[in-house]
N, C-alpha and C. Protein backbone atom coordinates (compact mmCIF):
# COMPACT_ATOMS: atom_id res chain seq x y z
N MET A 1 -5.17 -2.90 -83.41
CA MET A 1 -3.98 -2.65 -84.21
C MET A 1 -3.56 -1.19 -84.02
N ALA A 2 -4.53 -0.28 -84.08
CA ALA A 2 -4.22 1.14 -83.92
C ALA A 2 -3.73 1.42 -82.51
N ALA A 3 -4.32 0.74 -81.53
CA ALA A 3 -3.90 0.94 -80.14
C ALA A 3 -2.46 0.47 -79.96
N GLN A 4 -2.09 -0.63 -80.61
CA GLN A 4 -0.72 -1.14 -80.52
C GLN A 4 0.26 -0.16 -81.14
N LYS A 5 -0.12 0.43 -82.30
CA LYS A 5 0.76 1.41 -82.95
C LYS A 5 0.94 2.62 -82.06
N THR A 6 -0.15 3.06 -81.43
CA THR A 6 -0.08 4.21 -80.53
C THR A 6 0.83 3.89 -79.35
N GLN A 7 0.68 2.67 -78.79
CA GLN A 7 1.51 2.25 -77.66
C GLN A 7 2.98 2.18 -78.09
N ASP A 8 3.25 1.63 -79.28
CA ASP A 8 4.62 1.54 -79.77
C ASP A 8 5.23 2.92 -79.96
N ALA A 9 4.44 3.85 -80.51
CA ALA A 9 4.94 5.21 -80.71
C ALA A 9 5.24 5.88 -79.37
N ALA A 10 4.37 5.66 -78.39
CA ALA A 10 4.59 6.23 -77.06
C ALA A 10 5.84 5.64 -76.42
N ASN A 11 6.03 4.33 -76.54
CA ASN A 11 7.22 3.69 -75.98
C ASN A 11 8.49 4.19 -76.66
N GLU A 12 8.43 4.40 -77.97
CA GLU A 12 9.59 4.91 -78.70
C GLU A 12 9.93 6.32 -78.23
N LYS A 13 8.92 7.15 -78.02
CA LYS A 13 9.15 8.52 -77.56
C LYS A 13 9.75 8.51 -76.16
N ILE A 14 9.26 7.62 -75.29
CA ILE A 14 9.79 7.52 -73.93
C ILE A 14 11.25 7.10 -73.97
N ALA A 15 11.59 6.13 -74.81
CA ALA A 15 12.97 5.67 -74.91
C ALA A 15 13.89 6.79 -75.41
N LYS A 16 13.43 7.54 -76.41
CA LYS A 16 14.23 8.66 -76.92
C LYS A 16 14.42 9.72 -75.85
N ASP A 17 13.34 10.03 -75.10
CA ASP A 17 13.45 11.03 -74.04
C ASP A 17 14.39 10.57 -72.93
N ASN A 18 14.36 9.28 -72.59
CA ASN A 18 15.27 8.76 -71.57
C ASN A 18 16.72 8.90 -72.02
N ALA A 19 17.00 8.63 -73.30
CA ALA A 19 18.36 8.78 -73.82
C ALA A 19 18.79 10.25 -73.76
N LYS A 20 17.87 11.14 -74.08
CA LYS A 20 18.17 12.56 -74.04
C LYS A 20 18.45 13.02 -72.61
N VAL A 21 17.66 12.51 -71.66
CA VAL A 21 17.87 12.86 -70.25
C VAL A 21 19.25 12.43 -69.81
N MET A 22 19.67 11.23 -70.20
CA MET A 22 20.98 10.75 -69.80
C MET A 22 22.10 11.56 -70.46
N ALA A 23 21.88 12.01 -71.69
CA ALA A 23 22.87 12.85 -72.37
C ALA A 23 23.00 14.19 -71.65
N VAL A 24 21.88 14.75 -71.19
CA VAL A 24 21.91 16.00 -70.44
C VAL A 24 22.64 15.79 -69.12
N TYR A 25 22.33 14.69 -68.43
CA TYR A 25 23.01 14.38 -67.17
C TYR A 25 24.52 14.29 -67.37
N ARG A 26 24.93 13.53 -68.41
CA ARG A 26 26.35 13.33 -68.69
C ARG A 26 27.05 14.66 -68.97
N ALA A 27 26.40 15.52 -69.76
CA ALA A 27 26.99 16.82 -70.09
C ALA A 27 27.14 17.68 -68.84
N MET A 28 26.09 17.69 -68.02
CA MET A 28 26.16 18.48 -66.78
C MET A 28 27.22 17.94 -65.84
N ALA A 29 27.30 16.62 -65.71
CA ALA A 29 28.27 16.01 -64.80
C ALA A 29 29.70 16.29 -65.25
N ASN A 30 29.88 16.54 -66.57
CA ASN A 30 31.21 16.89 -67.08
C ASN A 30 31.52 18.37 -66.87
N GLY A 31 30.58 19.11 -66.32
CA GLY A 31 30.81 20.53 -66.06
C GLY A 31 30.40 21.42 -67.20
N ASP A 32 29.77 20.86 -68.22
CA ASP A 32 29.35 21.65 -69.38
C ASP A 32 28.05 22.38 -69.09
N THR A 33 27.81 23.43 -69.86
CA THR A 33 26.58 24.21 -69.73
C THR A 33 25.55 23.67 -70.72
N VAL A 34 24.35 23.44 -70.25
CA VAL A 34 23.25 22.97 -71.10
C VAL A 34 22.12 23.99 -71.03
N PRO A 35 21.24 23.99 -72.01
CA PRO A 35 20.12 24.95 -71.98
C PRO A 35 19.25 24.74 -70.72
N ALA A 36 18.66 25.82 -70.26
CA ALA A 36 17.81 25.75 -69.07
C ALA A 36 16.62 24.81 -69.29
N SER A 37 16.12 24.76 -70.50
CA SER A 37 14.98 23.87 -70.79
C SER A 37 15.38 22.41 -70.61
N ASP A 38 16.64 22.07 -70.96
CA ASP A 38 17.11 20.70 -70.78
C ASP A 38 17.26 20.38 -69.29
N GLU A 39 17.77 21.36 -68.53
CA GLU A 39 17.87 21.16 -67.07
C GLU A 39 16.49 20.92 -66.48
N ARG A 40 15.49 21.68 -66.94
CA ARG A 40 14.12 21.52 -66.44
C ARG A 40 13.58 20.13 -66.76
N LYS A 41 13.86 19.64 -67.98
CA LYS A 41 13.41 18.29 -68.37
C LYS A 41 14.05 17.24 -67.46
N LEU A 42 15.35 17.40 -67.17
CA LEU A 42 16.04 16.46 -66.28
C LEU A 42 15.43 16.51 -64.88
N GLN A 43 15.12 17.71 -64.42
CA GLN A 43 14.52 17.85 -63.08
C GLN A 43 13.14 17.22 -63.04
N GLU A 44 12.35 17.36 -64.11
CA GLU A 44 11.02 16.74 -64.17
C GLU A 44 11.14 15.22 -64.23
N TYR A 45 12.20 14.73 -64.87
CA TYR A 45 12.39 13.28 -65.01
C TYR A 45 12.73 12.66 -63.67
N ASP A 46 13.73 13.25 -62.96
CA ASP A 46 14.14 12.69 -61.67
C ASP A 46 14.86 13.79 -60.89
N LYS A 47 14.25 14.22 -59.80
CA LYS A 47 14.82 15.31 -59.01
C LYS A 47 16.17 14.94 -58.40
N ASP A 48 16.31 13.68 -57.95
CA ASP A 48 17.58 13.25 -57.36
C ASP A 48 18.69 13.21 -58.40
N LEU A 49 18.38 12.73 -59.59
CA LEU A 49 19.35 12.69 -60.68
C LEU A 49 19.77 14.12 -61.05
N TYR A 50 18.80 15.03 -61.06
CA TYR A 50 19.09 16.44 -61.35
C TYR A 50 20.03 17.03 -60.30
N GLN A 51 19.74 16.75 -59.02
CA GLN A 51 20.59 17.28 -57.95
C GLN A 51 22.01 16.73 -58.07
N ALA A 52 22.13 15.45 -58.38
CA ALA A 52 23.45 14.84 -58.54
C ALA A 52 24.19 15.49 -59.71
N ALA A 53 23.47 15.75 -60.81
CA ALA A 53 24.08 16.39 -61.98
C ALA A 53 24.55 17.80 -61.64
N LYS A 54 23.73 18.54 -60.91
CA LYS A 54 24.10 19.93 -60.54
C LYS A 54 25.34 19.94 -59.64
N MET A 55 25.39 19.00 -58.70
CA MET A 55 26.56 18.94 -57.81
C MET A 55 27.81 18.58 -58.59
N ALA A 56 27.69 17.58 -59.47
CA ALA A 56 28.84 17.18 -60.28
C ALA A 56 29.25 18.30 -61.22
N GLN A 57 28.28 19.03 -61.74
CA GLN A 57 28.56 20.16 -62.63
C GLN A 57 29.34 21.23 -61.87
N SER A 58 28.90 21.55 -60.67
CA SER A 58 29.59 22.57 -59.87
C SER A 58 31.03 22.17 -59.57
N MET A 59 31.22 20.91 -59.18
CA MET A 59 32.57 20.45 -58.86
C MET A 59 33.45 20.46 -60.10
N ALA A 60 32.91 20.03 -61.24
CA ALA A 60 33.69 20.01 -62.49
C ALA A 60 34.02 21.42 -62.94
N GLN A 61 33.09 22.35 -62.75
CA GLN A 61 33.33 23.73 -63.17
C GLN A 61 34.39 24.39 -62.31
N LEU A 62 34.49 23.98 -61.07
CA LEU A 62 35.54 24.51 -60.21
C LEU A 62 36.92 24.10 -60.73
N ARG A 63 36.96 22.91 -61.36
CA ARG A 63 38.24 22.39 -61.85
C ARG A 63 38.62 22.95 -63.22
N THR A 64 37.67 23.45 -63.94
CA THR A 64 37.98 23.94 -65.30
C THR A 64 37.80 25.44 -65.38
N LYS A 65 38.37 26.01 -66.38
CA LYS A 65 38.22 27.44 -66.61
C LYS A 65 37.01 27.68 -67.49
N GLN A 66 36.43 28.83 -67.42
CA GLN A 66 35.24 29.20 -68.19
C GLN A 66 35.45 28.97 -69.68
N ALA A 67 36.57 29.29 -70.23
CA ALA A 67 36.81 29.19 -71.67
C ALA A 67 36.86 27.75 -72.15
N GLU A 68 37.19 26.82 -71.26
CA GLU A 68 37.33 25.42 -71.66
C GLU A 68 36.00 24.67 -71.67
N ARG A 69 34.95 25.26 -71.12
CA ARG A 69 33.67 24.58 -71.04
C ARG A 69 33.01 24.46 -72.40
N LYS A 70 32.32 23.37 -72.60
CA LYS A 70 31.55 23.17 -73.83
C LYS A 70 30.12 23.65 -73.60
N HIS A 71 29.54 24.21 -74.65
CA HIS A 71 28.14 24.61 -74.61
C HIS A 71 27.38 23.69 -75.56
N HIS A 72 26.33 23.06 -75.05
CA HIS A 72 25.59 22.07 -75.84
C HIS A 72 24.28 22.65 -76.34
N ALA A 73 23.90 22.21 -77.51
CA ALA A 73 22.58 22.57 -78.05
C ALA A 73 21.54 21.70 -77.35
N SER A 74 20.30 22.12 -77.40
CA SER A 74 19.22 21.37 -76.76
C SER A 74 19.08 19.98 -77.39
N GLN A 75 18.79 18.98 -76.56
CA GLN A 75 18.57 17.61 -77.02
C GLN A 75 17.18 17.46 -77.64
N TRP A 76 16.25 18.32 -77.26
CA TRP A 76 14.87 18.23 -77.75
C TRP A 76 14.68 19.12 -78.96
N ASP A 77 14.25 18.52 -80.03
CA ASP A 77 13.97 19.25 -81.26
C ASP A 77 12.63 19.97 -81.06
N GLU A 78 12.66 21.30 -81.12
CA GLU A 78 11.44 22.07 -80.87
C GLU A 78 10.34 21.72 -81.87
N LYS A 79 10.71 21.50 -83.12
CA LYS A 79 9.71 21.16 -84.13
C LYS A 79 9.07 19.81 -83.81
N GLU A 80 9.87 18.85 -83.34
CA GLU A 80 9.36 17.54 -82.96
C GLU A 80 8.37 17.66 -81.80
N GLU A 81 8.75 18.45 -80.80
CA GLU A 81 7.87 18.66 -79.64
C GLU A 81 6.57 19.36 -80.06
N GLN A 82 6.68 20.36 -80.92
CA GLN A 82 5.50 21.09 -81.37
C GLN A 82 4.58 20.18 -82.18
N ALA A 83 5.15 19.33 -83.02
CA ALA A 83 4.34 18.39 -83.81
C ALA A 83 3.63 17.41 -82.90
N TYR A 84 4.33 16.91 -81.90
CA TYR A 84 3.72 15.97 -80.94
C TYR A 84 2.58 16.65 -80.19
N ASN A 85 2.82 17.86 -79.70
CA ASN A 85 1.78 18.59 -78.97
C ASN A 85 0.58 18.90 -79.86
N ALA A 86 0.83 19.24 -81.12
CA ALA A 86 -0.25 19.52 -82.06
C ALA A 86 -1.08 18.26 -82.31
N LYS A 87 -0.41 17.12 -82.42
CA LYS A 87 -1.12 15.85 -82.63
C LYS A 87 -1.98 15.52 -81.42
N MET A 88 -1.44 15.72 -80.22
CA MET A 88 -2.21 15.45 -78.99
C MET A 88 -3.42 16.39 -78.90
N LYS A 89 -3.24 17.65 -79.30
CA LYS A 89 -4.35 18.61 -79.28
C LYS A 89 -5.42 18.19 -80.28
N GLU A 90 -4.98 17.74 -81.46
CA GLU A 90 -5.92 17.29 -82.49
C GLU A 90 -6.73 16.09 -81.99
N LEU A 91 -6.06 15.16 -81.33
CA LEU A 91 -6.77 13.99 -80.77
C LEU A 91 -7.75 14.41 -79.67
N GLY A 92 -7.33 15.36 -78.84
CA GLY A 92 -8.21 15.86 -77.79
C GLY A 92 -9.42 16.57 -78.37
N ASP A 93 -9.20 17.36 -79.42
CA ASP A 93 -10.31 18.05 -80.07
C ASP A 93 -11.29 17.06 -80.69
N ALA A 94 -10.75 16.01 -81.31
CA ALA A 94 -11.61 14.98 -81.91
C ALA A 94 -12.43 14.29 -80.84
N SER A 95 -11.82 14.04 -79.70
CA SER A 95 -12.52 13.40 -78.59
C SER A 95 -13.64 14.32 -78.09
N ASN A 96 -13.34 15.60 -77.96
CA ASN A 96 -14.35 16.56 -77.51
C ASN A 96 -15.50 16.66 -78.51
N GLU A 97 -15.17 16.64 -79.80
CA GLU A 97 -16.21 16.69 -80.83
C GLU A 97 -17.12 15.46 -80.74
N ALA A 98 -16.52 14.32 -80.47
CA ALA A 98 -17.31 13.08 -80.34
C ALA A 98 -18.27 13.18 -79.16
N VAL A 99 -17.80 13.73 -78.06
CA VAL A 99 -18.65 13.90 -76.88
C VAL A 99 -19.79 14.85 -77.19
N LEU A 100 -19.48 15.93 -77.91
CA LEU A 100 -20.52 16.89 -78.27
C LEU A 100 -21.52 16.28 -79.25
N ALA A 101 -21.02 15.43 -80.15
CA ALA A 101 -21.90 14.80 -81.12
C ALA A 101 -22.88 13.84 -80.45
N ILE A 102 -22.44 13.21 -79.39
CA ILE A 102 -23.32 12.29 -78.65
C ILE A 102 -24.45 13.08 -78.01
N GLY A 103 -24.13 14.26 -77.59
CA GLY A 103 -25.17 15.11 -77.03
C GLY A 103 -25.00 15.33 -75.54
N GLU A 104 -25.71 16.34 -75.06
CA GLU A 104 -25.60 16.71 -73.66
C GLU A 104 -26.23 15.66 -72.75
N GLY A 105 -27.14 14.86 -73.27
CA GLY A 105 -27.83 13.88 -72.44
C GLY A 105 -27.03 12.61 -72.21
N SER A 106 -25.80 12.54 -72.74
CA SER A 106 -25.03 11.30 -72.60
C SER A 106 -24.70 11.00 -71.14
N TYR A 107 -24.42 12.04 -70.35
CA TYR A 107 -24.11 11.80 -68.94
C TYR A 107 -25.32 11.27 -68.20
N GLU A 108 -26.48 11.86 -68.46
CA GLU A 108 -27.71 11.40 -67.81
C GLU A 108 -28.04 9.97 -68.25
N PHE A 109 -27.83 9.68 -69.53
CA PHE A 109 -28.08 8.33 -70.05
C PHE A 109 -27.17 7.33 -69.37
N SER A 110 -25.89 7.68 -69.27
CA SER A 110 -24.91 6.80 -68.63
C SER A 110 -25.27 6.57 -67.16
N SER A 111 -25.66 7.63 -66.47
CA SER A 111 -26.05 7.50 -65.06
C SER A 111 -27.27 6.61 -64.92
N ALA A 112 -28.25 6.80 -65.81
CA ALA A 112 -29.46 5.98 -65.76
C ALA A 112 -29.14 4.51 -66.01
N GLN A 113 -28.20 4.26 -66.93
CA GLN A 113 -27.80 2.88 -67.19
C GLN A 113 -27.19 2.25 -65.94
N LYS A 114 -26.32 3.00 -65.28
CA LYS A 114 -25.66 2.47 -64.08
C LYS A 114 -26.67 2.18 -62.98
N GLU A 115 -27.69 3.00 -62.86
CA GLU A 115 -28.70 2.82 -61.81
C GLU A 115 -29.59 1.60 -62.09
N ASN A 116 -29.70 1.20 -63.34
CA ASN A 116 -30.62 0.13 -63.71
C ASN A 116 -29.93 -1.20 -64.02
N ILE A 117 -28.73 -1.37 -63.53
CA ILE A 117 -28.03 -2.64 -63.72
C ILE A 117 -28.64 -3.66 -62.77
N VAL A 118 -28.99 -4.81 -63.31
CA VAL A 118 -29.57 -5.88 -62.49
C VAL A 118 -28.70 -7.13 -62.61
N GLU A 119 -28.65 -7.88 -61.55
CA GLU A 119 -27.88 -9.11 -61.56
C GLU A 119 -28.75 -10.23 -62.09
N ILE A 120 -28.19 -11.05 -62.95
CA ILE A 120 -28.92 -12.15 -63.56
C ILE A 120 -28.39 -13.45 -62.98
N ASP A 121 -29.29 -14.35 -62.66
CA ASP A 121 -28.90 -15.64 -62.13
C ASP A 121 -28.13 -16.39 -63.21
N SER A 122 -26.88 -16.69 -62.94
CA SER A 122 -26.03 -17.36 -63.93
C SER A 122 -25.61 -18.75 -63.46
N SER A 123 -26.33 -19.31 -62.50
CA SER A 123 -25.92 -20.61 -61.96
C SER A 123 -26.02 -21.73 -62.98
N GLY A 124 -26.94 -21.62 -63.97
CA GLY A 124 -27.09 -22.67 -64.96
C GLY A 124 -26.37 -22.39 -66.26
N VAL A 125 -25.48 -21.40 -66.31
CA VAL A 125 -24.80 -21.01 -67.54
C VAL A 125 -23.44 -21.69 -67.62
N ASP A 126 -23.15 -22.28 -68.78
CA ASP A 126 -21.85 -22.90 -69.02
C ASP A 126 -20.93 -21.85 -69.65
N PHE A 127 -20.11 -21.21 -68.84
CA PHE A 127 -19.25 -20.14 -69.33
C PHE A 127 -18.11 -20.65 -70.21
N SER A 128 -17.79 -21.92 -70.12
CA SER A 128 -16.69 -22.46 -70.93
C SER A 128 -17.02 -22.47 -72.42
N SER A 129 -18.30 -22.41 -72.77
CA SER A 129 -18.67 -22.43 -74.19
C SER A 129 -18.83 -21.03 -74.77
N MET A 130 -18.58 -19.98 -73.97
CA MET A 130 -18.74 -18.61 -74.46
C MET A 130 -17.56 -18.21 -75.34
N LYS A 131 -17.84 -17.42 -76.33
CA LYS A 131 -16.80 -16.89 -77.20
C LYS A 131 -16.04 -15.81 -76.44
N VAL A 132 -14.72 -15.78 -76.61
CA VAL A 132 -13.88 -14.78 -75.96
C VAL A 132 -13.22 -13.97 -77.06
N MET A 133 -13.16 -12.66 -76.85
CA MET A 133 -12.54 -11.79 -77.85
C MET A 133 -11.53 -10.88 -77.18
N SER A 134 -10.52 -10.51 -77.93
CA SER A 134 -9.49 -9.61 -77.44
C SER A 134 -9.73 -8.23 -78.05
N LEU A 135 -9.69 -7.19 -77.20
CA LEU A 135 -9.88 -5.82 -77.66
C LEU A 135 -8.55 -5.09 -77.80
N GLY A 136 -7.45 -5.81 -77.60
CA GLY A 136 -6.13 -5.19 -77.71
C GLY A 136 -5.68 -4.64 -76.37
N SER A 137 -4.41 -4.38 -76.24
CA SER A 137 -3.78 -3.84 -75.03
C SER A 137 -4.09 -4.70 -73.81
N GLY A 138 -4.20 -6.01 -73.99
CA GLY A 138 -4.42 -6.91 -72.86
C GLY A 138 -5.85 -6.98 -72.38
N VAL A 139 -6.79 -6.34 -73.08
CA VAL A 139 -8.19 -6.35 -72.66
C VAL A 139 -8.91 -7.48 -73.38
N THR A 140 -9.49 -8.41 -72.62
CA THR A 140 -10.26 -9.50 -73.20
C THR A 140 -11.61 -9.55 -72.51
N GLY A 141 -12.57 -10.13 -73.17
CA GLY A 141 -13.89 -10.23 -72.57
C GLY A 141 -14.72 -11.28 -73.28
N ALA A 142 -15.80 -11.65 -72.64
CA ALA A 142 -16.69 -12.65 -73.21
C ALA A 142 -17.66 -11.95 -74.16
N TYR A 143 -17.96 -12.63 -75.24
CA TYR A 143 -18.91 -12.13 -76.22
C TYR A 143 -20.28 -12.68 -75.85
N ILE A 144 -21.20 -11.80 -75.57
CA ILE A 144 -22.55 -12.22 -75.18
C ILE A 144 -23.52 -11.65 -76.19
N ASP A 145 -24.31 -12.51 -76.81
CA ASP A 145 -25.31 -12.10 -77.79
C ASP A 145 -26.60 -11.77 -77.05
N LEU A 146 -26.99 -10.51 -77.07
CA LEU A 146 -28.18 -10.07 -76.38
C LEU A 146 -29.34 -9.81 -77.36
N SER A 147 -29.27 -10.44 -78.51
CA SER A 147 -30.33 -10.29 -79.50
C SER A 147 -31.63 -10.86 -78.97
N ILE A 148 -32.71 -10.20 -79.30
CA ILE A 148 -34.04 -10.67 -78.89
C ILE A 148 -34.75 -11.20 -80.14
N TYR A 149 -35.16 -12.43 -80.07
CA TYR A 149 -35.84 -13.07 -81.20
C TYR A 149 -37.34 -13.10 -80.92
N THR A 150 -38.11 -12.73 -81.88
CA THR A 150 -39.58 -12.81 -81.76
C THR A 150 -40.10 -13.76 -82.79
N ARG A 151 -41.24 -14.40 -82.49
CA ARG A 151 -41.85 -15.34 -83.44
C ARG A 151 -43.12 -14.78 -83.95
């Protein structure tokens, strides 16, 4: 559920950024001046689209006088960007803390686990009766009970 919310939030941010990129392109193509940061975002989004916008901007500016040009405010809200970056840093810090909490031996443990994987003969196993579970984001897997019972 949390992974889906995170994915939805990421998709919403991407859609908003795409709309902003197109607004920057449209303004530039009309010969208007946009902030350098917006031009950089357009260039990072698509270099060819940026080049087309710059060419259209140059041609439009040749046709208009300096006083007639519109100046646009940035499409990206700095506070919104800072909040997003702070949230990503917080998540990264939490991830790093989790790794540190596991301990320095986690890499060696993981490596030892990988080295000791053995193949089990599964020719007599009926896989159709196994429980299947979904972990979200399209990840599914079989549930295998590895409990050891003693008498």
